[in-house]
Amino acid sequence: MAGLIQRTAQAIDDMWQSIWHDSSTTEKVVIAIFLIVTGLAIPVIPIVWLARIVAR
């Protein structure tokens, strides 16, 4: 079970890295606005932070 949680957290972290860190400033602004407008920023940001902690 711990291995599954670790792999899931690593996958979330990898996805976040590929979306956020490989994006230009304009793309980051568009992503941030989309998350805020749709209300996804509330659940997404803590999930990503938690996944980054577990992945390490």
PDB file of N, CA and C in Angstrom:
ATOM      1  N   MET A   1       0.829  -1.195   0.000  1.00  0.00           N
ATOM      2  CA  MET A   1       0.000   0.000   0.000  1.00  0.00           C
ATOM      3  C   MET A   1       0.871   1.255   0.000  1.00  0.00           C
ATOM      4  N   ALA A   2       1.945   1.234   0.788  1.00  0.00           N
ATOM      5  CA  ALA A   2       2.830   2.396   0.847  1.00  0.00           C
ATOM      6  C   ALA A   2       3.474   2.645  -0.508  1.00  0.00           C
ATOM      7  N   GLY A   3       3.793   1.577  -1.221  1.00  0.00           N
ATOM      8  CA  GLY A   3       4.384   1.715  -2.547  1.00  0.00           C
ATOM      9  C   GLY A   3       3.418   2.363  -3.526  1.00  0.00           C
ATOM     10  N   LEU A   4       2.149   2.005  -3.426  1.00  0.00           N
ATOM     11  CA  LEU A   4       1.122   2.592  -4.290  1.00  0.00           C
ATOM     12  C   LEU A   4       0.977   4.080  -4.012  1.00  0.00           C
ATOM     13  N   ILE A   5       0.964   4.446  -2.742  1.00  0.00           N
ATOM     14  CA  ILE A   5       0.857   5.864  -2.385  1.00  0.00           C
ATOM     15  C   ILE A   5       2.073   6.627  -2.888  1.00  0.00           C
ATOM     16  N   GLN A   6       3.261   6.036  -2.732  1.00  0.00           N
ATOM     17  CA  GLN A   6       4.497   6.678  -3.190  1.00  0.00           C
ATOM     18  C   GLN A   6       4.477   6.857  -4.707  1.00  0.00           C
ATOM     19  N   ARG A   7       4.073   5.831  -5.453  1.00  0.00           N
ATOM     20  CA  ARG A   7       4.027   5.927  -6.920  1.00  0.00           C
ATOM     21  C   ARG A   7       2.994   6.946  -7.375  1.00  0.00           C
ATOM     22  N   THR A   8       1.843   6.984  -6.709  1.00  0.00           N
ATOM     23  CA  THR A   8       0.811   7.956  -7.055  1.00  0.00           C
ATOM     24  C   THR A   8       1.295   9.368  -6.793  1.00  0.00           C
ATOM     25  N   ALA A   9       1.926   9.565  -5.646  1.00  0.00           N
ATOM     26  CA  ALA A   9       2.462  10.887  -5.321  1.00  0.00           C
ATOM     27  C   ALA A   9       3.537  11.299  -6.312  1.00  0.00           C
ATOM     28  N   GLN A  10       4.387  10.370  -6.702  1.00  0.00           N
ATOM     29  CA  GLN A  10       5.439  10.674  -7.680  1.00  0.00           C
ATOM     30  C   GLN A  10       4.828  11.029  -9.024  1.00  0.00           C
ATOM     31  N   ALA A  11       3.771  10.336  -9.424  1.00  0.00           N
ATOM     32  CA  ALA A  11       3.106  10.637 -10.700  1.00  0.00           C
ATOM     33  C   ALA A  11       2.483  12.031 -10.674  1.00  0.00           C
ATOM     34  N   ILE A  12       1.856  12.386  -9.560  1.00  0.00           N
ATOM     35  CA  ILE A  12       1.267  13.726  -9.434  1.00  0.00           C
ATOM     36  C   ILE A  12       2.368  14.777  -9.483  1.00  0.00           C
ATOM     37  N   ASP A  13       3.465  14.522  -8.780  1.00  0.00           N
ATOM     38  CA  ASP A  13       4.584  15.466  -8.771  1.00  0.00           C
ATOM     39  C   ASP A  13       5.180  15.613 -10.170  1.00  0.00           C
ATOM     40  N   ASP A  14       5.373  14.508 -10.870  1.00  0.00           N
ATOM     41  CA  ASP A  14       5.903  14.557 -12.239  1.00  0.00           C
ATOM     42  C   ASP A  14       4.981  15.333 -13.171  1.00  0.00           C
ATOM     43  N   MET A  15       3.680  15.098 -13.038  1.00  0.00           N
ATOM     44  CA  MET A  15       2.719  15.799 -13.879  1.00  0.00           C
ATOM     45  C   MET A  15       2.770  17.296 -13.598  1.00  0.00           C
ATOM     46  N   TRP A  16       2.802  17.665 -12.324  1.00  0.00           N
ATOM     47  CA  TRP A  16       2.847  19.073 -11.951  1.00  0.00           C
ATOM     48  C   TRP A  16       4.124  19.729 -12.485  1.00  0.00           C
ATOM     49  N   GLN A  17       5.240  19.018 -12.370  1.00  0.00           N
ATOM     50  CA  GLN A  17       6.508  19.558 -12.879  1.00  0.00           C
ATOM     51  C   GLN A  17       6.424  19.789 -14.382  1.00  0.00           C
ATOM     52  N   SER A  18       5.865  18.845 -15.117  1.00  0.00           N
ATOM     53  CA  SER A  18       5.798  18.980 -16.574  1.00  0.00           C
ATOM     54  C   SER A  18       4.831  20.079 -16.992  1.00  0.00           C
ATOM     55  N   ILE A  19       3.779  20.276 -16.222  1.00  0.00           N
ATOM     56  CA  ILE A  19       2.814  21.319 -16.571  1.00  0.00           C
ATOM     57  C   ILE A  19       3.313  22.686 -16.146  1.00  0.00           C
ATOM     58  N   TRP A  20       3.778  22.810 -14.907  1.00  0.00           N
ATOM     59  CA  TRP A  20       4.084  24.124 -14.357  1.00  0.00           C
ATOM     60  C   TRP A  20       5.483  24.610 -14.714  1.00  0.00           C
ATOM     61  N   HIS A  21       6.485  23.784 -14.510  1.00  0.00           N
ATOM     62  CA  HIS A  21       7.866  24.238 -14.654  1.00  0.00           C
ATOM     63  C   HIS A  21       8.334  24.308 -16.106  1.00  0.00           C
ATOM     64  N   ASP A  22       7.668  23.631 -17.000  1.00  0.00           N
ATOM     65  CA  ASP A  22       8.039  23.683 -18.412  1.00  0.00           C
ATOM     66  C   ASP A  22       7.207  24.698 -19.181  1.00  0.00           C
ATOM     67  N   SER A  23       6.414  25.491 -18.481  1.00  0.00           N
ATOM     68  CA  SER A  23       5.526  26.457 -19.122  1.00  0.00           C
ATOM     69  C   SER A  23       6.138  27.850 -19.105  1.00  0.00           C
ATOM     70  N   SER A  24       5.737  28.636 -20.098  1.00  0.00           N
ATOM     71  CA  SER A  24       6.159  30.037 -20.128  1.00  0.00           C
ATOM     72  C   SER A  24       5.333  30.824 -19.116  1.00  0.00           C
ATOM     73  N   THR A  25       5.713  32.067 -18.901  1.00  0.00           N
ATOM     74  CA  THR A  25       4.986  32.913 -17.950  1.00  0.00           C
ATOM     75  C   THR A  25       3.531  33.084 -18.372  1.00  0.00           C
ATOM     76  N   THR A  26       3.303  33.270 -19.654  1.00  0.00           N
ATOM     77  CA  THR A  26       1.936  33.430 -20.154  1.00  0.00           C
ATOM     78  C   THR A  26       1.111  32.175 -19.885  1.00  0.00           C
ATOM     79  N   GLU A  27       1.691  31.023 -20.147  1.00  0.00           N
ATOM     80  CA  GLU A  27       0.974  29.774 -19.903  1.00  0.00           C
ATOM     81  C   GLU A  27       0.677  29.592 -18.418  1.00  0.00           C
ATOM     82  N   LYS A  28       1.615  29.984 -17.548  1.00  0.00           N
ATOM     83  CA  LYS A  28       1.388  29.888 -16.102  1.00  0.00           C
ATOM     84  C   LYS A  28       0.232  30.782 -15.676  1.00  0.00           C
ATOM     85  N   VAL A  29       0.156  31.979 -16.241  1.00  0.00           N
ATOM     86  CA  VAL A  29      -0.938  32.898 -15.916  1.00  0.00           C
ATOM     87  C   VAL A  29      -2.270  32.302 -16.355  1.00  0.00           C
ATOM     88  N   VAL A  30      -2.302  31.731 -17.548  1.00  0.00           N
ATOM     89  CA  VAL A  30      -3.537  31.123 -18.060  1.00  0.00           C
ATOM     90  C   VAL A  30      -3.947  29.945 -17.172  1.00  0.00           C
ATOM     91  N   ILE A  31      -2.993  29.111 -16.782  1.00  0.00           N
ATOM     92  CA  ILE A  31      -3.294  27.969 -15.913  1.00  0.00           C
ATOM     93  C   ILE A  31      -3.820  28.453 -14.563  1.00  0.00           C
ATOM     94  N   ALA A  32      -3.151  29.453 -13.980  1.00  0.00           N
ATOM     95  CA  ALA A  32      -3.579  29.978 -12.677  1.00  0.00           C
ATOM     96  C   ALA A  32      -4.979  30.571 -12.754  1.00  0.00           C
ATOM     97  N   ILE A  33      -5.258  31.337 -13.798  1.00  0.00           N
ATOM     98  CA  ILE A  33      -6.596  31.925 -13.962  1.00  0.00           C
ATOM     99  C   ILE A  33      -7.643  30.827 -14.124  1.00  0.00           C
ATOM    100  N   PHE A  34      -7.326  29.810 -14.927  1.00  0.00           N
ATOM    101  CA  PHE A  34      -8.256  28.698 -15.122  1.00  0.00           C
ATOM    102  C   PHE A  34      -8.561  28.010 -13.790  1.00  0.00           C
ATOM    103  N   LEU A  35      -7.515  27.742 -12.994  1.00  0.00           N
ATOM    104  CA  LEU A  35      -7.729  27.076 -11.710  1.00  0.00           C
ATOM    105  C   LEU A  35      -8.573  27.929 -10.767  1.00  0.00           C
ATOM    106  N   ILE A  36      -8.316  29.229 -10.746  1.00  0.00           N
ATOM    107  CA  ILE A  36      -9.066  30.119  -9.859  1.00  0.00           C
ATOM    108  C   ILE A  36     -10.511  30.249 -10.308  1.00  0.00           C
ATOM    109  N   VAL A  37     -10.716  30.439 -11.613  1.00  0.00           N
ATOM    110  CA  VAL A  37     -12.076  30.622 -12.140  1.00  0.00           C
ATOM    111  C   VAL A  37     -12.920  29.370 -11.932  1.00  0.00           C
ATOM    112  N   THR A  38     -12.340  28.214 -12.152  1.00  0.00           N
ATOM    113  CA  THR A  38     -13.116  26.979 -12.011  1.00  0.00           C
ATOM    114  C   THR A  38     -13.210  26.505 -10.566  1.00  0.00           C
ATOM    115  N   GLY A  39     -12.471  27.152  -9.677  1.00  0.00           N
ATOM    116  CA  GLY A  39     -12.498  26.739  -8.280  1.00  0.00           C
ATOM    117  C   GLY A  39     -11.630  25.536  -7.991  1.00  0.00           C
ATOM    118  N   LEU A  40     -10.844  25.124  -8.969  1.00  0.00           N
ATOM    119  CA  LEU A  40      -9.993  23.956  -8.774  1.00  0.00           C
ATOM    120  C   LEU A  40      -8.740  24.267  -7.969  1.00  0.00           C
ATOM    121  N   ALA A  41      -8.415  25.547  -7.819  1.00  0.00           N
ATOM    122  CA  ALA A  41      -7.212  25.900  -7.068  1.00  0.00           C
ATOM    123  C   ALA A  41      -7.323  25.450  -5.617  1.00  0.00           C
ATOM    124  N   ILE A  42      -8.532  25.460  -5.086  1.00  0.00           N
ATOM    125  CA  ILE A  42      -8.712  25.081  -3.679  1.00  0.00           C
ATOM    126  C   ILE A  42      -8.312  23.618  -3.444  1.00  0.00           C
ATOM    127  N   PRO A  43      -8.802  22.644  -4.230  1.00  0.00           N
ATOM    128  CA  PRO A  43      -8.363  21.272  -3.967  1.00  0.00           C
ATOM    129  C   PRO A  43      -7.036  20.903  -4.632  1.00  0.00           C
ATOM    130  N   VAL A  44      -6.670  21.529  -5.733  1.00  0.00           N
ATOM    131  CA  VAL A  44      -5.488  21.114  -6.480  1.00  0.00           C
ATOM    132  C   VAL A  44      -4.194  21.489  -5.765  1.00  0.00           C
ATOM    133  N   ILE A  45      -4.094  22.705  -5.297  1.00  0.00           N
ATOM    134  CA  ILE A  45      -2.845  23.173  -4.697  1.00  0.00           C
ATOM    135  C   ILE A  45      -2.448  22.331  -3.474  1.00  0.00           C
ATOM    136  N   PRO A  46      -3.335  22.096  -2.499  1.00  0.00           N
ATOM    137  CA  PRO A  46      -2.930  21.251  -1.359  1.00  0.00           C
ATOM    138  C   PRO A  46      -2.597  19.818  -1.766  1.00  0.00           C
ATOM    139  N   ILE A  47      -3.297  19.275  -2.748  1.00  0.00           N
ATOM    140  CA  ILE A  47      -3.016  17.917  -3.210  1.00  0.00           C
ATOM    141  C   ILE A  47      -1.616  17.856  -3.804  1.00  0.00           C
ATOM    142  N   VAL A  48      -1.251  18.857  -4.596  1.00  0.00           N
ATOM    143  CA  VAL A  48       0.078  18.883  -5.206  1.00  0.00           C
ATOM    144  C   VAL A  48       1.144  19.031  -4.121  1.00  0.00           C
ATOM    145  N   TRP A  49       0.921  19.919  -3.149  1.00  0.00           N
ATOM    146  CA  TRP A  49       1.899  20.081  -2.068  1.00  0.00           C
ATOM    147  C   TRP A  49       2.074  18.780  -1.289  1.00  0.00           C
ATOM    148  N   LEU A  50       0.976  18.135  -0.963  1.00  0.00           N
ATOM    149  CA  LEU A  50       1.038  16.866  -0.235  1.00  0.00           C
ATOM    150  C   LEU A  50       1.750  15.805  -1.063  1.00  0.00           C
ATOM    151  N   ALA A  51       1.447  15.740  -2.334  1.00  0.00           N
ATOM    152  CA  ALA A  51       2.087  14.752  -3.213  1.00  0.00           C
ATOM    153  C   ALA A  51       3.588  15.009  -3.301  1.00  0.00           C
ATOM    154  N   ARG A  52       3.991  16.258  -3.348  1.00  0.00           N
ATOM    155  CA  ARG A  52       5.428  16.564  -3.409  1.00  0.00           C
ATOM    156  C   ARG A  52       6.123  16.122  -2.128  1.00  0.00           C
ATOM    157  N   ILE A  53       5.461  16.293  -0.986  1.00  0.00           N
ATOM    158  CA  ILE A  53       6.049  15.864   0.290  1.00  0.00           C
ATOM    159  C   ILE A  53       6.180  14.344   0.329  1.00  0.00           C
ATOM    160  N   VAL A  54       5.125  13.645  -0.070  1.00  0.00           N
ATOM    161  CA  VAL A  54       5.141  12.181  -0.049  1.00  0.00           C
ATOM    162  C   VAL A  54       6.132  11.637  -1.079  1.00  0.00           C
ATOM    163  N   ALA A  55       6.241  12.292  -2.235  1.00  0.00           N
ATOM    164  CA  ALA A  55       7.126  11.800  -3.287  1.00  0.00           C
ATOM    165  C   ALA A  55       8.598  11.881  -2.878  1.00  0.00           C
ATOM    166  N   ARG A  56       8.912  12.789  -2.000  1.00  0.00           N
ATOM    167  CA  ARG A  56      10.307  12.921  -1.552  1.00  0.00           C
ATOM    168  C   ARG A  56      10.509  12.037  -0.370  1.00  0.00           C
TER     169      ARG A  56
END
